[in-house]
Amino acid sequence: MDTIYADLSISMSEFKKNPAQVLRSAGEKPVAVLNHNKPAFYMVTPKVFEVFVESLIDRDLTEIVRHRLLQKNQAVEVDIDSV
């Protein structure tokens, strides 16, 4: 059994009948589109997708910061006015 990461779901055949209506009905909630009762894809609005992308970017930046903090003993002090 596959985990469905959405509160709303619809069959592929129903989705194909009127995708725009599914999007309107869902509002800002993600919709799992099922093929043979398994998630084929998730439909999200651009706003929700932007939130996902921003979260991934933040996670990547957090990893960079953690890595750099481990290397802070190699840091060189610089006077900002001389740069």
PDB file of N, CA and C in Angstrom:
ATOM      1  N   MET A   1       0.849  -1.176   0.000  1.00  0.00           N
ATOM      2  CA  MET A   1       0.000   0.000   0.000  1.00  0.00           C
ATOM      3  C   MET A   1       0.894   1.238   0.000  1.00  0.00           C
ATOM      4  N   ASP A   2       0.568   2.221  -0.834  1.00  0.00           N
ATOM      5  CA  ASP A   2       1.325   3.464  -0.916  1.00  0.00           C
ATOM      6  C   ASP A   2       0.730   4.505   0.024  1.00  0.00           C
ATOM      7  N   THR A   3       1.594   5.302   0.611  1.00  0.00           N
ATOM      8  CA  THR A   3       1.147   6.416   1.443  1.00  0.00           C
ATOM      9  C   THR A   3       0.703   7.551   0.534  1.00  0.00           C
ATOM     10  N   ILE A   4      -0.395   8.166   0.884  1.00  0.00           N
ATOM     11  CA  ILE A   4      -0.899   9.306   0.118  1.00  0.00           C
ATOM     12  C   ILE A   4      -0.683  10.551   0.966  1.00  0.00           C
ATOM     13  N   TYR A   5       0.085  11.490   0.420  1.00  0.00           N
ATOM     14  CA  TYR A   5       0.446  12.697   1.138  1.00  0.00           C
ATOM     15  C   TYR A   5      -0.476  13.864   0.800  1.00  0.00           C
ATOM     16  N   ALA A   6      -1.755  13.605   0.825  1.00  0.00           N
ATOM     17  CA  ALA A   6      -2.747  14.654   0.567  1.00  0.00           C
ATOM     18  C   ALA A   6      -4.058  14.243   1.216  1.00  0.00           C
ATOM     19  N   ASP A   7      -4.811  15.233   1.642  1.00  0.00           N
ATOM     20  CA  ASP A   7      -6.128  14.948   2.210  1.00  0.00           C
ATOM     21  C   ASP A   7      -7.162  14.676   1.123  1.00  0.00           C
ATOM     22  N   LEU A   8      -6.878  15.172  -0.081  1.00  0.00           N
ATOM     23  CA  LEU A   8      -7.806  15.007  -1.193  1.00  0.00           C
ATOM     24  C   LEU A   8      -7.209  14.082  -2.238  1.00  0.00           C
ATOM     25  N   SER A   9      -8.047  13.259  -2.834  1.00  0.00           N
ATOM     26  CA  SER A   9      -7.588  12.396  -3.922  1.00  0.00           C
ATOM     27  C   SER A   9      -8.696  12.243  -4.953  1.00  0.00           C
ATOM     28  N   ILE A  10      -8.277  11.887  -6.161  1.00  0.00           N
ATOM     29  CA  ILE A  10      -9.221  11.714  -7.261  1.00  0.00           C
ATOM     30  C   ILE A  10      -8.621  10.691  -8.219  1.00  0.00           C
ATOM     31  N   SER A  11      -9.468   9.949  -8.895  1.00  0.00           N
ATOM     32  CA  SER A  11      -8.969   8.986  -9.872  1.00  0.00           C
ATOM     33  C   SER A  11      -8.477   9.719 -11.115  1.00  0.00           C
ATOM     34  N   MET A  12      -7.591   9.085 -11.835  1.00  0.00           N
ATOM     35  CA  MET A  12      -7.050   9.670 -13.062  1.00  0.00           C
ATOM     36  C   MET A  12      -8.178   9.946 -14.054  1.00  0.00           C
ATOM     37  N   SER A  13      -9.107   9.012 -14.192  1.00  0.00           N
ATOM     38  CA  SER A  13     -10.189   9.198 -15.164  1.00  0.00           C
ATOM     39  C   SER A  13     -11.087  10.379 -14.793  1.00  0.00           C
ATOM     40  N   GLU A  14     -11.371  10.551 -13.502  1.00  0.00           N
ATOM     41  CA  GLU A  14     -12.170  11.705 -13.077  1.00  0.00           C
ATOM     42  C   GLU A  14     -11.386  13.003 -13.247  1.00  0.00           C
ATOM     43  N   PHE A  15     -10.095  12.957 -12.951  1.00  0.00           N
ATOM     44  CA  PHE A  15      -9.252  14.143 -13.093  1.00  0.00           C
ATOM     45  C   PHE A  15      -9.228  14.617 -14.543  1.00  0.00           C
ATOM     46  N   LYS A  16      -9.110  13.681 -15.481  1.00  0.00           N
ATOM     47  CA  LYS A  16      -9.022  14.037 -16.907  1.00  0.00           C
ATOM     48  C   LYS A  16     -10.279  14.713 -17.431  1.00  0.00           C
ATOM     49  N   LYS A  17     -11.399  14.444 -16.797  1.00  0.00           N
ATOM     50  CA  LYS A  17     -12.660  15.035 -17.258  1.00  0.00           C
ATOM     51  C   LYS A  17     -12.666  16.556 -17.110  1.00  0.00           C
ATOM     52  N   ASN A  18     -12.082  17.061 -16.019  1.00  0.00           N
ATOM     53  CA  ASN A  18     -12.092  18.505 -15.810  1.00  0.00           C
ATOM     54  C   ASN A  18     -11.012  18.908 -14.801  1.00  0.00           C
ATOM     55  N   PRO A  19      -9.749  18.931 -15.222  1.00  0.00           N
ATOM     56  CA  PRO A  19      -8.655  19.275 -14.298  1.00  0.00           C
ATOM     57  C   PRO A  19      -8.812  20.663 -13.664  1.00  0.00           C
ATOM     58  N   ALA A  20      -9.309  21.617 -14.431  1.00  0.00           N
ATOM     59  CA  ALA A  20      -9.468  22.971 -13.897  1.00  0.00           C
ATOM     60  C   ALA A  20     -10.469  22.993 -12.738  1.00  0.00           C
ATOM     61  N   GLN A  21     -11.517  22.213 -12.846  1.00  0.00           N
ATOM     62  CA  GLN A  21     -12.507  22.145 -11.772  1.00  0.00           C
ATOM     63  C   GLN A  21     -11.905  21.509 -10.521  1.00  0.00           C
ATOM     64  N   VAL A  22     -11.071  20.491 -10.702  1.00  0.00           N
ATOM     65  CA  VAL A  22     -10.403  19.849  -9.564  1.00  0.00           C
ATOM     66  C   VAL A  22      -9.533  20.878  -8.851  1.00  0.00           C
ATOM     67  N   LEU A  23      -8.795  21.658  -9.618  1.00  0.00           N
ATOM     68  CA  LEU A  23      -7.927  22.689  -9.056  1.00  0.00           C
ATOM     69  C   LEU A  23      -8.746  23.723  -8.279  1.00  0.00           C
ATOM     70  N   ARG A  24      -9.838  24.174  -8.863  1.00  0.00           N
ATOM     71  CA  ARG A  24     -10.697  25.156  -8.183  1.00  0.00           C
ATOM     72  C   ARG A  24     -11.277  24.577  -6.899  1.00  0.00           C
ATOM     73  N   SER A  25     -11.732  23.340  -6.959  1.00  0.00           N
ATOM     74  CA  SER A  25     -12.358  22.706  -5.787  1.00  0.00           C
ATOM     75  C   SER A  25     -11.368  22.481  -4.649  1.00  0.00           C
ATOM     76  N   ALA A  26     -10.132  22.214  -4.994  1.00  0.00           N
ATOM     77  CA  ALA A  26      -9.124  21.919  -3.977  1.00  0.00           C
ATOM     78  C   ALA A  26      -8.657  23.160  -3.241  1.00  0.00           C
ATOM     79  N   GLY A  27      -8.810  24.318  -3.858  1.00  0.00           N
ATOM     80  CA  GLY A  27      -8.293  25.535  -3.238  1.00  0.00           C
ATOM     81  C   GLY A  27      -6.774  25.467  -3.174  1.00  0.00           C
ATOM     82  N   GLU A  28      -6.208  25.642  -1.998  1.00  0.00           N
ATOM     83  CA  GLU A  28      -4.753  25.583  -1.823  1.00  0.00           C
ATOM     84  C   GLU A  28      -4.285  24.219  -1.317  1.00  0.00           C
ATOM     85  N   LYS A  29      -5.171  23.237  -1.297  1.00  0.00           N
ATOM     86  CA  LYS A  29      -4.786  21.905  -0.804  1.00  0.00           C
ATOM     87  C   LYS A  29      -4.246  21.054  -1.946  1.00  0.00           C
ATOM     88  N   PRO A  30      -3.204  20.252  -1.675  1.00  0.00           N
ATOM     89  CA  PRO A  30      -2.712  19.334  -2.701  1.00  0.00           C
ATOM     90  C   PRO A  30      -3.728  18.216  -2.956  1.00  0.00           C
ATOM     91  N   VAL A  31      -3.723  17.715  -4.175  1.00  0.00           N
ATOM     92  CA  VAL A  31      -4.617  16.623  -4.568  1.00  0.00           C
ATOM     93  C   VAL A  31      -3.771  15.478  -5.110  1.00  0.00           C
ATOM     94  N   ALA A  32      -3.990  14.289  -4.584  1.00  0.00           N
ATOM     95  CA  ALA A  32      -3.329  13.098  -5.113  1.00  0.00           C
ATOM     96  C   ALA A  32      -4.176  12.565  -6.263  1.00  0.00           C
ATOM     97  N   VAL A  33      -3.563  12.439  -7.425  1.00  0.00           N
ATOM     98  CA  VAL A  33      -4.260  11.867  -8.576  1.00  0.00           C
ATOM     99  C   VAL A  33      -3.837  10.406  -8.658  1.00  0.00           C
ATOM    100  N   LEU A  34      -4.836   9.523  -8.568  1.00  0.00           N
ATOM    101  CA  LEU A  34      -4.567   8.093  -8.456  1.00  0.00           C
ATOM    102  C   LEU A  34      -4.745   7.360  -9.777  1.00  0.00           C
ATOM    103  N   ASN A  35      -3.846   6.435 -10.011  1.00  0.00           N
ATOM    104  CA  ASN A  35      -3.941   5.541 -11.159  1.00  0.00           C
ATOM    105  C   ASN A  35      -3.921   4.121 -10.600  1.00  0.00           C
ATOM    106  N   HIS A  36      -5.005   3.396 -10.770  1.00  0.00           N
ATOM    107  CA  HIS A  36      -5.163   2.059 -10.188  1.00  0.00           C
ATOM    108  C   HIS A  36      -4.973   2.110  -8.674  1.00  0.00           C
ATOM    109  N   ASN A  37      -5.580   3.117  -8.050  1.00  0.00           N
ATOM    110  CA  ASN A  37      -5.569   3.321  -6.601  1.00  0.00           C
ATOM    111  C   ASN A  37      -4.183   3.577  -6.011  1.00  0.00           C
ATOM    112  N   LYS A  38      -3.240   4.000  -6.837  1.00  0.00           N
ATOM    113  CA  LYS A  38      -1.905   4.378  -6.360  1.00  0.00           C
ATOM    114  C   LYS A  38      -1.625   5.797  -6.835  1.00  0.00           C
ATOM    115  N   PRO A  39      -0.930   6.592  -6.017  1.00  0.00           N
ATOM    116  CA  PRO A  39      -0.637   7.961  -6.439  1.00  0.00           C
ATOM    117  C   PRO A  39       0.196   7.992  -7.718  1.00  0.00           C
ATOM    118  N   ALA A  40      -0.316   8.670  -8.740  1.00  0.00           N
ATOM    119  CA  ALA A  40       0.430   8.849  -9.990  1.00  0.00           C
ATOM    120  C   ALA A  40       1.174  10.174  -9.943  1.00  0.00           C
ATOM    121  N   PHE A  41       0.519  11.191  -9.382  1.00  0.00           N
ATOM    122  CA  PHE A  41       1.151  12.493  -9.183  1.00  0.00           C
ATOM    123  C   PHE A  41       0.297  13.309  -8.231  1.00  0.00           C
ATOM    124  N   TYR A  42       0.876  14.411  -7.795  1.00  0.00           N
ATOM    125  CA  TYR A  42       0.165  15.346  -6.934  1.00  0.00           C
ATOM    126  C   TYR A  42      -0.040  16.649  -7.690  1.00  0.00           C
ATOM    127  N   MET A  43      -1.213  17.192  -7.582  1.00  0.00           N
ATOM    128  CA  MET A  43      -1.515  18.470  -8.193  1.00  0.00           C
ATOM    129  C   MET A  43      -1.507  19.515  -7.083  1.00  0.00           C
ATOM    130  N   VAL A  44      -0.709  20.570  -7.295  1.00  0.00           N
ATOM    131  CA  VAL A  44      -0.677  21.668  -6.332  1.00  0.00           C
ATOM    132  C   VAL A  44      -0.739  22.985  -7.097  1.00  0.00           C
ATOM    133  N   THR A  45      -1.182  24.014  -6.426  1.00  0.00           N
ATOM    134  CA  THR A  45      -1.220  25.338  -7.035  1.00  0.00           C
ATOM    135  C   THR A  45       0.206  25.898  -7.090  1.00  0.00           C
ATOM    136  N   PRO A  46       0.432  26.899  -7.931  1.00  0.00           N
ATOM    137  CA  PRO A  46       1.753  27.528  -7.962  1.00  0.00           C
ATOM    138  C   PRO A  46       2.183  28.054  -6.590  1.00  0.00           C
ATOM    139  N   LYS A  47       1.255  28.562  -5.828  1.00  0.00           N
ATOM    140  CA  LYS A  47       1.579  29.086  -4.491  1.00  0.00           C
ATOM    141  C   LYS A  47       2.129  27.978  -3.590  1.00  0.00           C
ATOM    142  N   VAL A  48       1.479  26.824  -3.591  1.00  0.00           N
ATOM    143  CA  VAL A  48       1.930  25.695  -2.772  1.00  0.00           C
ATOM    144  C   VAL A  48       3.278  25.182  -3.284  1.00  0.00           C
ATOM    145  N   PHE A  49       3.445  25.118  -4.588  1.00  0.00           N
ATOM    146  CA  PHE A  49       4.709  24.667  -5.164  1.00  0.00           C
ATOM    147  C   PHE A  49       5.852  25.603  -4.751  1.00  0.00           C
ATOM    148  N   GLU A  50       5.596  26.915  -4.764  1.00  0.00           N
ATOM    149  CA  GLU A  50       6.610  27.884  -4.343  1.00  0.00           C
ATOM    150  C   GLU A  50       7.026  27.645  -2.894  1.00  0.00           C
ATOM    151  N   VAL A  51       6.073  27.316  -2.035  1.00  0.00           N
ATOM    152  CA  VAL A  51       6.387  27.018  -0.634  1.00  0.00           C
ATOM    153  C   VAL A  51       7.298  25.795  -0.550  1.00  0.00           C
ATOM    154  N   PHE A  52       7.003  24.761  -1.334  1.00  0.00           N
ATOM    155  CA  PHE A  52       7.853  23.565  -1.359  1.00  0.00           C
ATOM    156  C   PHE A  52       9.269  23.913  -1.795  1.00  0.00           C
ATOM    157  N   VAL A  53       9.384  24.674  -2.865  1.00  0.00           N
ATOM    158  CA  VAL A  53      10.702  25.033  -3.402  1.00  0.00           C
ATOM    159  C   VAL A  53      11.479  25.874  -2.389  1.00  0.00           C
ATOM    160  N   GLU A  54      10.820  26.843  -1.779  1.00  0.00           N
ATOM    161  CA  GLU A  54      11.477  27.681  -0.773  1.00  0.00           C
ATOM    162  C   GLU A  54      11.963  26.837   0.402  1.00  0.00           C
ATOM    163  N   SER A  55      11.174  25.862   0.805  1.00  0.00           N
ATOM    164  CA  SER A  55      11.583  24.981   1.909  1.00  0.00           C
ATOM    165  C   SER A  55      12.825  24.183   1.536  1.00  0.00           C
ATOM    166  N   LEU A  56      12.874  23.694   0.310  1.00  0.00           N
ATOM    167  CA  LEU A  56      14.052  22.951  -0.145  1.00  0.00           C
ATOM    168  C   LEU A  56      15.282  23.848  -0.195  1.00  0.00           C
ATOM    169  N   ILE A  57      15.109  25.072  -0.661  1.00  0.00           N
ATOM    170  CA  ILE A  57      16.222  26.018  -0.710  1.00  0.00           C
ATOM    171  C   ILE A  57      16.716  26.308   0.710  1.00  0.00           C
ATOM    172  N   ASP A  58      15.787  26.537   1.636  1.00  0.00           N
ATOM    173  CA  ASP A  58      16.162  26.791   3.027  1.00  0.00           C
ATOM    174  C   ASP A  58      16.924  25.610   3.617  1.00  0.00           C
ATOM    175  N   ARG A  59      16.474  24.407   3.303  1.00  0.00           N
ATOM    176  CA  ARG A  59      17.158  23.209   3.814  1.00  0.00           C
ATOM    177  C   ARG A  59      18.573  23.133   3.275  1.00  0.00           C
ATOM    178  N   ASP A  60      18.748  23.423   1.992  1.00  0.00           N
ATOM    179  CA  ASP A  60      20.080  23.407   1.392  1.00  0.00           C
ATOM    180  C   ASP A  60      20.982  24.458   2.026  1.00  0.00           C
ATOM    181  N   LEU A  61      20.426  25.651   2.251  1.00  0.00           N
ATOM    182  CA  LEU A  61      21.215  26.717   2.878  1.00  0.00           C
ATOM    183  C   LEU A  61      21.599  26.352   4.305  1.00  0.00           C
ATOM    184  N   THR A  62      20.713  25.692   5.012  1.00  0.00           N
ATOM    185  CA  THR A  62      21.012  25.255   6.378  1.00  0.00           C
ATOM    186  C   THR A  62      22.197  24.291   6.377  1.00  0.00           C
ATOM    187  N   GLU A  63      22.230  23.390   5.427  1.00  0.00           N
ATOM    188  CA  GLU A  63      23.350  22.449   5.330  1.00  0.00           C
ATOM    189  C   GLU A  63      24.660  23.174   5.032  1.00  0.00           C
ATOM    190  N   ILE A  64      24.615  24.184   4.189  1.00  0.00           N
ATOM    191  CA  ILE A  64      25.821  24.970   3.873  1.00  0.00           C
ATOM    192  C   ILE A  64      26.315  25.674   5.138  1.00  0.00           C
ATOM    193  N   VAL A  65      25.399  26.271   5.883  1.00  0.00           N
ATOM    194  CA  VAL A  65      25.776  26.970   7.110  1.00  0.00           C
ATOM    195  C   VAL A  65      26.385  25.994   8.110  1.00  0.00           C
ATOM    196  N   ARG A  66      25.782  24.833   8.289  1.00  0.00           N
ATOM    197  CA  ARG A  66      26.334  23.836   9.219  1.00  0.00           C
ATOM    198  C   ARG A  66      27.737  23.417   8.801  1.00  0.00           C
ATOM    199  N   HIS A  67      27.929  23.197   7.532  1.00  0.00           N
ATOM    200  CA  HIS A  67      29.244  22.803   7.019  1.00  0.00           C
ATOM    201  C   HIS A  67      30.277  23.895   7.282  1.00  0.00           C
ATOM    202  N   ARG A  68      29.894  25.138   7.026  1.00  0.00           N
ATOM    203  CA  ARG A  68      30.820  26.255   7.223  1.00  0.00           C
ATOM    204  C   ARG A  68      31.118  26.486   8.699  1.00  0.00           C
ATOM    205  N   LEU A  69      30.143  26.260   9.559  1.00  0.00           N
ATOM    206  CA  LEU A  69      30.392  26.403  10.991  1.00  0.00           C
ATOM    207  C   LEU A  69      31.411  25.381  11.482  1.00  0.00           C
ATOM    208  N   LEU A  70      31.408  24.208  10.881  1.00  0.00           N
ATOM    209  CA  LEU A  70      32.406  23.193  11.247  1.00  0.00           C
ATOM    210  C   LEU A  70      33.811  23.615  10.819  1.00  0.00           C
ATOM    211  N   GLN A  71      33.896  24.519   9.859  1.00  0.00           N
ATOM    212  CA  GLN A  71      35.195  24.960   9.345  1.00  0.00           C
ATOM    213  C   GLN A  71      35.592  26.345   9.858  1.00  0.00           C
ATOM    214  N   LYS A  72      34.908  26.843  10.885  1.00  0.00           N
ATOM    215  CA  LYS A  72      35.168  28.219  11.316  1.00  0.00           C
ATOM    216  C   LYS A  72      36.568  28.413  11.883  1.00  0.00           C
ATOM    217  N   ASN A  73      37.258  27.343  12.288  1.00  0.00           N
ATOM    218  CA  ASN A  73      38.623  27.492  12.785  1.00  0.00           C
ATOM    219  C   ASN A  73      39.590  27.865  11.657  1.00  0.00           C
ATOM    220  N   GLN A  74      39.147  27.742  10.414  1.00  0.00           N
ATOM    221  CA  GLN A  74      39.963  28.120   9.258  1.00  0.00           C
ATOM    222  C   GLN A  74      39.635  29.535   8.765  1.00  0.00           C
ATOM    223  N   ALA A  75      38.736  30.209   9.462  1.00  0.00           N
ATOM    224  CA  ALA A  75      38.301  31.538   9.046  1.00  0.00           C
ATOM    225  C   ALA A  75      39.435  32.555   9.189  1.00  0.00           C
ATOM    226  N   VAL A  76      39.410  33.559   8.342  1.00  0.00           N
ATOM    227  CA  VAL A  76      40.384  34.639   8.363  1.00  0.00           C
ATOM    228  C   VAL A  76      39.633  35.927   8.685  1.00  0.00           C
ATOM    229  N   GLU A  77      40.123  36.657   9.689  1.00  0.00           N
ATOM    230  CA  GLU A  77      39.467  37.907  10.064  1.00  0.00           C
ATOM    231  C   GLU A  77      39.776  38.974   9.013  1.00  0.00           C
ATOM    232  N   VAL A  78      38.732  39.709   8.629  1.00  0.00           N
ATOM    233  CA  VAL A  78      38.854  40.727   7.583  1.00  0.00           C
ATOM    234  C   VAL A  78      38.200  42.013   8.081  1.00  0.00           C
ATOM    235  N   ASP A  79      38.837  43.139   7.800  1.00  0.00           N
ATOM    236  CA  ASP A  79      38.234  44.431   8.119  1.00  0.00           C
ATOM    237  C   ASP A  79      37.336  44.819   6.948  1.00  0.00           C
ATOM    238  N   ILE A  80      36.060  44.949   7.194  1.00  0.00           N
ATOM    239  CA  ILE A  80      35.089  45.215   6.130  1.00  0.00           C
ATOM    240  C   ILE A  80      35.380  46.520   5.402  1.00  0.00           C
ATOM    241  N   ASP A  81      35.973  47.491   6.098  1.00  0.00           N
ATOM    242  CA  ASP A  81      36.278  48.777   5.479  1.00  0.00           C
ATOM    243  C   ASP A  81      37.435  48.682   4.487  1.00  0.00           C
ATOM    244  N   SER A  82      38.271  47.669   4.608  1.00  0.00           N
ATOM    245  CA  SER A  82      39.402  47.535   3.695  1.00  0.00           C
ATOM    246  C   SER A  82      39.090  46.657   2.483  1.00  0.00           C
ATOM    247  N   VAL A  83      37.911  46.129   2.439  1.00  0.00           N
ATOM    248  CA  VAL A  83      37.535  45.258   1.317  1.00  0.00           C
ATOM    249  C   VAL A  83      36.976  46.055   0.177  1.00  0.00           C
TER     250      VAL A  83
END
